[in-house]
Amino acid sequence: MSDAESPADDFDPIEVFPDEDSPDLRPGADSCYKCSTCDTNCPVAEVDDDFPGPKFQGPEQWRLKRKEDTSVDDSIKKCSNCMRCDSACPSDVPLSQMHNSARAEYVEEEMSKTSVEYWRNRVLANYRTSAFFASKVPRLANAAMDFGPARWVLEKAFGVTSEREFPDFATETFREWWTRQGGADGSRERAREARERRGEDVGADKKVAYFHGCYANYNTPEVAKALVRVYEHFGYELVVPKQRCSGTPMFANGMLEDAERHAKVNVSSMSDLVEQGYDAVASCTSCSMAIRQEYPELFDIDGVREVAANTWDALEYLRVQEDLSGELAAADVEDEHLAQLAYHAPCHARNQGLDGQALDLFEDLTGVDAEDVGDSCSGISGTYGWKEENYETSMQIGEEMFDHMEDVEGEVGMTECPTCAMQMEHGTGYEIKHPLEVVDAALAD
C-alpha cells in the first residue's frame, strides 16, 4: 500500500451527515450563500436557458423539501452529472451529492416504472449488461448497431438518438486477453523480469489492482492492454479483480440501488486486495471519481473508505511512484500519427485535480506535441448525450471543444474519458487516443 501523496491530495469526499443513517443534505444546503458560481460554471445552464442550474437542483431544492408535499422538480433530468459545480463552489456545498440523491428520489417517486423513458434510462445506465451479451457475438452486434433502420427504430421507440455512431465491440475483450496472457501469474513473471532489467530488487513489493471498467473491457481493450504493458515496464505485478460497473451511468440516471449493488462487488473484491498491500488504479477518470468520491458519499459499505483512499488514476499513480516524466523525456515516439494531439481534459479529471497531467507528461516527449483544447465540457456526459432529447444540447456544449480541436494541427485527439472520446470523434471525425497509449508507444521496447 502506497504512503505517497497524490497530486490531488486535497481531494476528499464531503461528509455532511457523518452520524446519520439516513442522509439529510439540508445542512449542506445551509452552507450555500447563493453566489451562483455553480450556475456560471454549469455547461448545461450555459446553453439551455430553461435549465435552472445546479444551485436550484441542490441547495434550493433541499430547502423546498422542508415543506410538506414538495416533490423533486423534473428539471433534475437535465443535469448531466458533469460535477463541475463541486469544484466551482467556494463553500464546499456537496452539490453533486445532492443531485444524485434528488435524481434517485425523482426516479423512485415521480417516474413511471412502466414508461419508455424509465426503461430507456435503465438500459443505458446498465450498459455493462448489454455489453456483456454483445461481446459474445461482437461482429453481429456491430453490424446490427450500424444498421441505419435499427438506429431509427431505437430513436422513435426508445428515445436513443440515431445521430450517434454506436461504439464497436471488440472481438476479444480485455479480460479474455488477460487470461490468455497468463493472468496474475503471467504479470508477476513479466514484472519481475522488468525489475531485474531495471536493476531493482526483484522481490520488491510493487502490486497494483486494475479497475478497468466496462468500456475498456468490451470496447477499447487496447487502452487496458497499454496500461498492463506500461505498469509491467515499471515492474508492477497486476491483478484484475472481480468487478462490476463503477456506477457512474447509474448515478447519472438516478438508479442508486443498481449503483450500490455494483459498488458492493467492487468494494468487496478491492478491499481484500488493499488489506494485502495493493493499490487500486483506474484508466477511466469517471471510474476513479466514482470510487473516490461517490462511493463514500452515498454508500455505507464495509471497506469503502479504505478503498477510496487507496484508489488512483493510472497516470497519477505512476507520476507519484515513478520517474515517469524522466523516462518519457528520454524517450521518443516514432509514430507520426501521434505527432500532433488535441487534448481534452474530462470534467471528472478536473474534479480530481488531474486536468493538466497529460500535457505536463508529454511536454518533453520527443515526437509528440500535445495541445490543450480548452476547459470546456465535451457535452456528452456519459449517457446524457445519448438521449434523443439531450442530443442537441450536448452538441451545443461541445461546440467550443470541436472548434479548438480543429485549430490544432493534425487529426488525432486525446482524452482519459471514453465517452468524451466518443463525443470528440463524433464532432470532428478525429481518431481519439488515451494518454496511456501514448506512454505505451514511448516506452515500447
Protein backbone atom coordinates (compact mmCIF):
# COMPACT_ATOMS: atom_id res chain seq x y z
CA MET A 1 0.00 0.00 0.00
CA SER A 2 1.38 3.37 -1.00
CA ASP A 3 2.20 6.06 1.55
CA ALA A 4 2.87 8.65 -1.16
CA GLU A 5 0.80 11.77 -1.56
CA SER A 6 -1.36 12.19 -4.62
CA PRO A 7 -1.24 15.32 -6.81
CA ALA A 8 -4.90 15.55 -5.88
CA ASP A 9 -4.05 15.22 -2.18
CA ASP A 10 -6.51 17.91 -1.16
CA PHE A 11 -9.37 15.95 -2.76
CA ASP A 12 -11.61 14.44 -0.12
CA PRO A 13 -15.24 13.32 -0.23
CA ILE A 14 -17.52 15.76 1.56
CA GLU A 15 -19.27 14.48 4.66
CA VAL A 16 -22.40 16.37 5.57
CA PHE A 17 -24.11 13.64 7.58
CA PRO A 18 -21.36 11.54 9.22
CA ASP A 19 -23.53 10.39 12.12
CA GLU A 20 -26.80 9.83 10.29
CA ASP A 21 -28.13 6.52 8.99
CA SER A 22 -30.43 8.30 6.52
CA PRO A 23 -28.69 11.11 4.65
CA ASP A 24 -30.16 14.58 5.23
CA LEU A 25 -28.46 17.05 2.92
CA ARG A 26 -30.12 20.17 4.31
CA PRO A 27 -27.09 21.08 6.46
CA GLY A 28 -25.09 21.21 3.22
CA ALA A 29 -27.82 23.33 1.66
CA ASP A 30 -27.48 25.82 4.50
CA SER A 31 -23.81 26.35 3.58
CA CYS A 32 -24.88 27.85 0.25
CA TYR A 33 -24.94 31.66 0.25
CA LYS A 34 -26.36 31.95 -3.28
CA CYS A 35 -23.26 33.30 -5.02
CA SER A 36 -24.33 31.42 -8.20
CA THR A 37 -20.75 30.43 -9.06
CA CYS A 38 -22.01 26.89 -9.68
CA ASP A 39 -24.58 28.17 -12.19
CA THR A 40 -22.00 30.17 -14.13
CA ASN A 41 -19.78 27.06 -14.36
CA CYS A 42 -22.58 24.72 -15.45
CA PRO A 43 -22.24 23.74 -19.14
CA VAL A 44 -25.94 22.86 -19.43
CA ALA A 45 -27.10 26.20 -17.99
CA GLU A 46 -24.77 27.97 -20.42
CA VAL A 47 -26.66 26.70 -23.49
CA ASP A 48 -30.15 25.91 -22.10
CA ASP A 49 -31.99 28.96 -20.75
CA ASP A 50 -34.76 26.74 -19.38
CA PHE A 51 -32.42 24.80 -17.08
CA PRO A 52 -32.50 26.37 -13.58
CA GLY A 53 -28.93 25.30 -12.78
CA PRO A 54 -27.06 23.44 -10.03
CA LYS A 55 -27.97 25.90 -7.26
CA PHE A 56 -31.66 25.20 -7.71
CA GLN A 57 -31.13 21.46 -8.23
CA GLY A 58 -29.12 21.25 -4.99
CA PRO A 59 -29.47 23.72 -2.10
CA GLU A 60 -32.68 25.44 -3.15
CA GLN A 61 -34.45 22.17 -3.84
CA TRP A 62 -33.42 20.81 -0.46
CA ARG A 63 -34.73 23.95 1.20
CA LEU A 64 -38.04 23.42 -0.57
CA LYS A 65 -38.10 19.85 0.73
CA ARG A 66 -38.61 21.25 4.22
CA LYS A 67 -42.17 21.93 3.17
CA GLU A 68 -44.63 19.06 3.09
CA ASP A 69 -45.75 17.55 -0.21
CA THR A 70 -42.93 19.14 -2.19
CA SER A 71 -41.67 16.84 -4.94
CA VAL A 72 -38.37 16.91 -6.80
CA ASP A 73 -38.62 19.13 -9.86
CA ASP A 74 -38.39 17.28 -13.16
CA SER A 75 -35.64 19.65 -14.34
CA ILE A 76 -33.25 17.39 -12.39
CA LYS A 77 -33.29 15.21 -15.52
CA LYS A 78 -31.42 17.92 -17.40
CA CYS A 79 -28.42 17.79 -15.05
CA SER A 80 -25.66 16.00 -16.95
CA ASN A 81 -23.67 14.89 -13.85
CA CYS A 82 -20.50 16.57 -15.09
CA MET A 83 -19.90 17.57 -11.42
CA ARG A 84 -18.20 20.85 -12.35
CA CYS A 85 -20.33 22.56 -9.73
CA ASP A 86 -18.50 20.67 -6.97
CA SER A 87 -15.13 22.17 -7.78
CA ALA A 88 -16.62 25.60 -8.54
CA CYS A 89 -18.38 26.06 -5.19
CA PRO A 90 -16.39 28.30 -2.79
CA SER A 91 -18.31 26.93 0.21
CA ASP A 92 -17.78 23.21 -0.49
CA VAL A 93 -21.51 22.60 -0.75
CA PRO A 94 -21.94 18.91 -1.74
CA LEU A 95 -23.81 19.76 -4.92
CA SER A 96 -23.31 16.57 -6.92
CA GLN A 97 -24.25 14.52 -3.87
CA MET A 98 -27.49 16.50 -3.65
CA HIS A 99 -28.11 16.00 -7.36
CA ASN A 100 -27.51 12.24 -7.12
CA SER A 101 -29.92 11.98 -4.21
CA ALA A 102 -32.52 14.18 -5.91
CA ARG A 103 -32.35 12.15 -9.14
CA ALA A 104 -32.82 8.94 -7.20
CA GLU A 105 -35.81 10.38 -5.35
CA TYR A 106 -37.31 11.64 -8.61
CA VAL A 107 -36.96 8.22 -10.26
CA GLU A 108 -38.37 6.46 -7.21
CA GLU A 109 -41.34 8.74 -6.58
CA GLU A 110 -42.12 10.62 -9.78
CA MET A 111 -41.13 8.49 -12.78
CA SER A 112 -43.49 5.79 -14.01
CA LYS A 113 -41.80 2.40 -13.88
CA THR A 114 -43.75 1.34 -16.97
CA SER A 115 -42.70 4.34 -19.07
CA VAL A 116 -40.40 4.08 -22.07
CA GLU A 117 -38.22 6.78 -20.52
CA TYR A 118 -37.63 4.73 -17.36
CA TRP A 119 -36.65 1.59 -19.24
CA ARG A 120 -34.54 3.53 -21.73
CA ASN A 121 -32.64 5.08 -18.83
CA ARG A 122 -32.33 1.75 -17.07
CA VAL A 123 -30.83 0.08 -20.15
CA LEU A 124 -28.39 2.97 -20.70
CA ALA A 125 -27.43 3.00 -17.02
CA ASN A 126 -26.75 -0.72 -17.06
CA TYR A 127 -24.56 -0.67 -20.15
CA ARG A 128 -22.41 -3.44 -18.73
CA THR A 129 -25.27 -5.93 -19.10
CA SER A 130 -25.94 -5.22 -22.77
CA ALA A 131 -22.19 -5.05 -23.48
CA PHE A 132 -21.71 -8.48 -21.88
CA PHE A 133 -24.20 -10.09 -24.25
CA ALA A 134 -22.99 -8.11 -27.28
CA SER A 135 -19.42 -9.24 -26.60
CA LYS A 136 -20.48 -12.86 -27.15
CA VAL A 137 -21.35 -12.04 -30.78
CA PRO A 138 -19.37 -8.83 -31.41
CA ARG A 139 -19.45 -8.87 -35.21
CA LEU A 140 -23.20 -9.43 -35.29
CA ALA A 141 -23.75 -6.78 -32.62
CA ASN A 142 -21.61 -4.25 -34.51
CA ALA A 143 -23.46 -4.91 -37.77
CA ALA A 144 -26.82 -4.53 -36.05
CA MET A 145 -25.86 -1.27 -34.36
CA ASP A 146 -24.50 0.15 -37.62
CA PHE A 147 -27.75 -0.67 -39.46
CA GLY A 148 -29.49 2.64 -40.14
CA PRO A 149 -33.11 1.43 -39.82
CA ALA A 150 -32.30 -0.20 -36.47
CA ARG A 151 -30.95 3.10 -35.14
CA TRP A 152 -34.06 4.89 -36.41
CA VAL A 153 -36.29 2.42 -34.58
CA LEU A 154 -34.24 2.85 -31.39
CA GLU A 155 -34.79 6.59 -31.52
CA LYS A 156 -38.51 6.50 -32.31
CA ALA A 157 -39.41 3.68 -29.98
CA PHE A 158 -36.84 4.05 -27.21
CA GLY A 159 -35.53 7.60 -27.27
CA VAL A 160 -31.88 6.77 -28.04
CA THR A 161 -30.60 9.26 -30.61
CA SER A 162 -29.95 7.94 -34.09
CA GLU A 163 -27.41 10.72 -34.71
CA ARG A 164 -24.57 9.00 -32.88
CA GLU A 165 -22.40 6.17 -34.12
CA PHE A 166 -22.54 3.20 -31.77
CA PRO A 167 -19.12 2.13 -30.46
CA ASP A 168 -17.78 -1.13 -31.82
CA PHE A 169 -17.45 -4.13 -29.53
CA ALA A 170 -14.02 -5.74 -29.53
CA THR A 171 -13.70 -9.22 -30.96
CA GLU A 172 -11.71 -10.14 -27.85
CA THR A 173 -12.44 -8.49 -24.50
CA PHE A 174 -9.63 -7.29 -22.29
CA ARG A 175 -10.37 -9.93 -19.67
CA GLU A 176 -10.16 -12.66 -22.35
CA TRP A 177 -6.82 -11.26 -23.47
CA TRP A 178 -5.66 -11.00 -19.85
CA THR A 179 -6.47 -14.66 -19.26
CA ARG A 180 -4.64 -15.59 -22.44
CA GLN A 181 -1.56 -13.70 -21.17
CA GLY A 182 -1.49 -15.82 -18.01
CA GLY A 183 -3.46 -13.52 -15.73
CA ALA A 184 -1.86 -12.50 -12.44
CA ASP A 185 0.76 -15.26 -12.65
CA GLY A 186 1.90 -14.09 -16.07
CA SER A 187 2.04 -10.49 -14.90
CA ARG A 188 4.10 -11.42 -11.84
CA GLU A 189 6.67 -13.17 -14.03
CA ARG A 190 6.89 -10.30 -16.54
CA ALA A 191 7.09 -7.67 -13.77
CA ARG A 192 9.95 -9.45 -12.01
CA GLU A 193 11.85 -9.74 -15.28
CA ALA A 194 11.34 -5.99 -15.77
CA ARG A 195 12.62 -5.20 -12.27
CA GLU A 196 15.69 -7.27 -12.96
CA ARG A 197 16.30 -5.38 -16.23
CA ARG A 198 15.86 -2.08 -14.42
CA GLY A 199 18.33 -3.06 -11.70
CA GLU A 200 15.64 -3.04 -9.00
CA ASP A 201 15.03 -5.51 -6.21
CA VAL A 202 13.34 -8.46 -7.89
CA GLY A 203 11.37 -9.12 -4.71
CA ALA A 204 10.14 -5.52 -4.39
CA ASP A 205 6.57 -5.08 -3.21
CA LYS A 206 5.08 -3.48 -6.32
CA LYS A 207 1.48 -4.67 -6.57
CA VAL A 208 -1.47 -2.98 -8.24
CA ALA A 209 -5.13 -3.94 -8.71
CA TYR A 210 -6.54 -2.71 -12.00
CA PHE A 211 -10.12 -1.45 -12.23
CA HIS A 212 -10.60 -1.42 -15.99
CA GLY A 213 -14.28 -0.51 -16.12
CA CYS A 214 -16.81 -1.61 -18.71
CA TYR A 215 -15.67 0.30 -21.77
CA ALA A 216 -12.01 -0.73 -21.67
CA ASN A 217 -13.09 -4.33 -21.29
CA TYR A 218 -15.73 -4.55 -24.02
CA ASN A 219 -14.95 -1.74 -26.47
CA THR A 220 -11.38 -0.42 -26.17
CA PRO A 221 -9.20 -3.22 -24.78
CA GLU A 222 -6.21 -1.50 -26.39
CA VAL A 223 -6.34 1.05 -23.55
CA ALA A 224 -6.31 -1.67 -20.90
CA LYS A 225 -3.52 -3.55 -22.69
CA ALA A 226 -1.47 -0.35 -22.81
CA LEU A 227 -1.90 0.04 -19.04
CA VAL A 228 -0.71 -3.51 -18.46
CA ARG A 229 2.38 -3.05 -20.62
CA VAL A 230 3.24 0.33 -19.07
CA TYR A 231 2.86 -0.89 -15.49
CA GLU A 232 4.81 -4.07 -16.13
CA HIS A 233 7.53 -1.95 -17.76
CA PHE A 234 7.97 -0.31 -14.34
CA GLY A 235 7.96 -3.70 -12.62
CA TYR A 236 4.42 -3.74 -11.22
CA GLU A 237 2.61 -7.01 -10.72
CA LEU A 238 -1.02 -6.58 -11.72
CA VAL A 239 -4.16 -8.35 -10.68
CA VAL A 240 -7.56 -7.80 -12.30
CA PRO A 241 -10.10 -8.36 -9.54
CA LYS A 242 -13.74 -9.31 -9.91
CA GLN A 243 -15.60 -6.12 -10.73
CA ARG A 244 -18.82 -4.63 -11.97
CA CYS A 245 -19.64 -1.20 -13.40
CA SER A 246 -18.27 1.72 -11.38
CA GLY A 247 -21.84 3.02 -11.18
CA THR A 248 -21.25 6.35 -12.92
CA PRO A 249 -24.06 5.93 -15.51
CA MET A 250 -26.37 4.73 -12.74
CA PHE A 251 -25.70 7.82 -10.61
CA ALA A 252 -26.48 9.98 -13.65
CA ASN A 253 -29.81 8.24 -14.19
CA GLY A 254 -30.99 8.10 -10.60
CA MET A 255 -30.54 4.34 -10.30
CA LEU A 256 -28.84 4.36 -6.89
CA GLU A 257 -29.93 0.85 -5.93
CA ASP A 258 -28.29 -0.51 -9.07
CA ALA A 259 -25.17 1.54 -8.35
CA GLU A 260 -24.95 0.29 -4.77
CA ARG A 261 -25.32 -3.32 -5.88
CA HIS A 262 -22.36 -2.92 -8.24
CA ALA A 263 -20.37 -0.90 -5.71
CA LYS A 264 -20.67 -3.68 -3.12
CA VAL A 265 -19.00 -6.13 -5.50
CA ASN A 266 -16.23 -3.67 -6.38
CA VAL A 267 -15.52 -2.64 -2.80
CA SER A 268 -15.59 -6.23 -1.53
CA SER A 269 -13.06 -7.50 -4.07
CA MET A 270 -10.77 -4.48 -3.87
CA SER A 271 -10.85 -4.05 -0.08
CA ASP A 272 -9.41 -7.54 0.30
CA LEU A 273 -6.56 -6.56 -2.02
CA VAL A 274 -5.99 -3.22 -0.24
CA GLU A 275 -5.58 -5.19 3.00
CA GLN A 276 -2.90 -7.25 1.25
CA GLY A 277 -0.96 -4.12 0.30
CA TYR A 278 -2.32 -3.43 -3.18
CA ASP A 279 -3.19 0.00 -4.50
CA ALA A 280 -6.05 0.28 -7.00
CA VAL A 281 -5.71 2.14 -10.30
CA ALA A 282 -8.31 3.04 -12.92
CA SER A 283 -7.77 4.06 -16.54
CA CYS A 284 -11.09 5.93 -16.73
CA THR A 285 -11.34 9.15 -14.71
CA SER A 286 -15.09 8.71 -14.23
CA CYS A 287 -14.44 5.31 -12.65
CA SER A 288 -11.79 6.67 -10.29
CA MET A 289 -14.10 9.59 -9.44
CA ALA A 290 -16.95 7.24 -8.57
CA ILE A 291 -14.80 5.09 -6.29
CA ARG A 292 -13.04 8.01 -4.63
CA GLN A 293 -15.95 10.39 -4.11
CA GLU A 294 -19.40 8.99 -4.82
CA TYR A 295 -18.99 5.63 -3.09
CA PRO A 296 -18.06 7.05 0.34
CA GLU A 297 -20.55 9.90 -0.01
CA LEU A 298 -23.54 7.73 -0.87
CA PHE A 299 -22.98 4.20 0.42
CA ASP A 300 -22.32 2.64 3.79
CA ILE A 301 -20.27 -0.38 2.68
CA ASP A 302 -17.60 -2.11 4.75
CA GLY A 303 -14.18 -1.05 3.49
CA VAL A 304 -15.48 1.73 1.21
CA ARG A 305 -13.34 4.48 2.73
CA GLU A 306 -10.17 2.36 2.68
CA VAL A 307 -10.74 1.52 -0.99
CA ALA A 308 -11.46 5.17 -1.83
CA ALA A 309 -8.30 6.31 -0.06
CA ASN A 310 -6.16 3.82 -1.99
CA THR A 311 -7.61 4.34 -5.47
CA TRP A 312 -5.68 6.35 -8.04
CA ASP A 313 -5.93 7.42 -11.63
CA ALA A 314 -3.48 5.29 -13.62
CA LEU A 315 -1.22 8.11 -14.82
CA GLU A 316 -1.43 9.92 -11.49
CA TYR A 317 -0.11 6.84 -9.69
CA LEU A 318 2.91 6.46 -11.93
CA ARG A 319 3.71 10.16 -11.72
CA VAL A 320 3.88 9.86 -7.94
CA GLN A 321 5.56 6.47 -7.61
CA GLU A 322 7.97 6.51 -10.55
CA ASP A 323 10.04 8.97 -12.54
CA LEU A 324 7.57 8.77 -15.39
CA SER A 325 8.35 12.29 -16.63
CA GLY A 326 12.06 11.49 -16.67
CA GLU A 327 11.62 8.29 -18.66
CA LEU A 328 9.36 10.00 -21.17
CA ALA A 329 11.83 12.88 -21.55
CA ALA A 330 14.50 10.33 -22.50
CA ALA A 331 12.19 8.51 -24.92
CA ASP A 332 10.82 9.33 -28.33
CA VAL A 333 7.74 8.36 -30.31
CA GLU A 334 8.40 7.50 -33.93
CA ASP A 335 4.73 7.08 -34.85
CA GLU A 336 3.96 10.20 -36.90
CA HIS A 337 0.30 9.51 -36.26
CA LEU A 338 0.84 10.71 -32.66
CA ALA A 339 2.90 13.78 -33.55
CA GLN A 340 0.06 16.29 -33.04
CA LEU A 341 -2.55 15.61 -30.35
CA ALA A 342 -5.57 17.71 -29.41
CA TYR A 343 -6.03 17.05 -25.68
CA HIS A 344 -9.32 17.42 -23.82
CA ALA A 345 -9.37 17.13 -20.02
CA PRO A 346 -12.58 15.38 -18.89
CA CYS A 347 -14.71 17.10 -16.26
CA HIS A 348 -14.19 14.14 -13.90
CA ALA A 349 -10.42 14.54 -14.28
CA ARG A 350 -10.67 18.24 -13.46
CA ASN A 351 -12.68 17.44 -10.34
CA GLN A 352 -9.78 15.29 -9.12
CA GLY A 353 -7.13 17.92 -9.89
CA LEU A 354 -5.75 15.88 -12.79
CA ASP A 355 -6.62 18.04 -15.78
CA GLY A 356 -3.07 19.09 -16.69
CA GLN A 357 -1.16 15.88 -16.08
CA ALA A 358 -1.09 14.55 -19.65
CA LEU A 359 0.16 17.87 -21.01
CA ASP A 360 2.86 18.01 -18.34
CA LEU A 361 3.97 14.46 -19.07
CA PHE A 362 4.31 14.92 -22.82
CA GLU A 363 5.92 18.35 -22.73
CA ASP A 364 9.42 16.90 -23.16
CA LEU A 365 8.46 13.76 -25.09
CA THR A 366 10.23 13.80 -28.45
CA GLY A 367 7.89 13.18 -31.36
CA VAL A 368 4.70 14.26 -29.57
CA ASP A 369 3.12 17.70 -29.37
CA ALA A 370 0.00 17.73 -27.19
CA GLU A 371 -2.08 20.90 -27.20
CA ASP A 372 -4.85 21.70 -24.73
CA VAL A 373 -8.17 22.42 -26.48
CA GLY A 374 -9.58 24.46 -23.59
CA ASP A 375 -11.54 23.91 -20.43
CA SER A 376 -14.99 23.46 -21.97
CA CYS A 377 -17.06 20.35 -21.25
CA SER A 378 -17.30 17.82 -24.08
CA GLY A 379 -21.07 17.81 -23.61
CA ILE A 380 -21.81 14.10 -23.81
CA SER A 381 -21.56 13.36 -20.07
CA GLY A 382 -21.90 9.59 -20.37
CA THR A 383 -25.46 8.55 -21.20
CA TYR A 384 -26.73 12.17 -21.20
CA GLY A 385 -25.81 12.87 -24.83
CA TRP A 386 -27.22 9.53 -25.99
CA LYS A 387 -30.77 10.54 -25.10
CA GLU A 388 -32.69 11.93 -28.05
CA GLU A 389 -34.00 14.89 -26.05
CA ASN A 390 -30.47 15.89 -24.96
CA TYR A 391 -28.55 15.37 -28.18
CA GLU A 392 -28.72 18.95 -29.49
CA THR A 393 -27.84 20.37 -26.07
CA SER A 394 -24.83 18.05 -25.82
CA MET A 395 -23.59 19.16 -29.23
CA GLN A 396 -24.02 22.84 -28.36
CA ILE A 397 -21.96 22.30 -25.20
CA GLY A 398 -19.25 20.52 -27.20
CA GLU A 399 -19.06 23.11 -29.98
CA GLU A 400 -16.25 25.09 -28.35
CA MET A 401 -14.20 21.92 -27.90
CA PHE A 402 -14.79 20.88 -31.53
CA ASP A 403 -13.64 24.29 -32.80
CA HIS A 404 -10.47 24.21 -30.69
CA MET A 405 -9.68 20.66 -31.82
CA GLU A 406 -9.89 21.69 -35.46
CA ASP A 407 -7.48 24.55 -34.79
CA VAL A 408 -4.81 22.05 -33.70
CA GLU A 409 -2.54 20.72 -36.42
CA GLY A 410 -3.22 17.04 -37.01
CA GLU A 411 -6.37 14.95 -36.69
CA VAL A 412 -5.84 12.89 -33.55
CA GLY A 413 -7.43 13.73 -30.21
CA MET A 414 -6.57 12.52 -26.73
CA THR A 415 -8.54 12.15 -23.51
CA GLU A 416 -8.85 9.84 -20.49
CA CYS A 417 -12.65 9.51 -20.66
CA PRO A 418 -14.25 7.01 -23.07
CA THR A 419 -17.49 8.94 -23.54
CA CYS A 420 -15.61 12.21 -24.05
CA ALA A 421 -13.68 10.29 -26.71
CA MET A 422 -16.99 9.34 -28.37
CA GLN A 423 -18.05 12.98 -28.45
CA MET A 424 -14.68 14.18 -29.75
CA GLU A 425 -14.73 11.63 -32.55
CA HIS A 426 -18.39 12.33 -33.34
CA GLY A 427 -17.91 16.10 -33.54
CA THR A 428 -14.67 16.15 -35.54
CA GLY A 429 -14.13 12.75 -37.15
CA TYR A 430 -10.73 12.54 -35.45
CA GLU A 431 -9.28 9.33 -34.09
CA ILE A 432 -9.01 9.53 -30.30
CA LYS A 433 -6.24 8.08 -28.12
CA HIS A 434 -5.88 7.57 -24.38
CA PRO A 435 -2.73 9.07 -22.80
CA LEU A 436 -1.74 5.56 -21.71
CA GLU A 437 -1.49 4.55 -25.36
CA VAL A 438 0.96 7.38 -25.97
CA VAL A 439 3.02 6.38 -22.93
CA ASP A 440 2.98 2.80 -24.17
CA ALA A 441 4.26 3.89 -27.58
CA ALA A 442 7.05 5.91 -25.94
CA LEU A 443 8.22 3.09 -23.65
CA ALA A 444 7.82 0.25 -26.13
CA ASP A 445 10.94 -1.94 -26.30
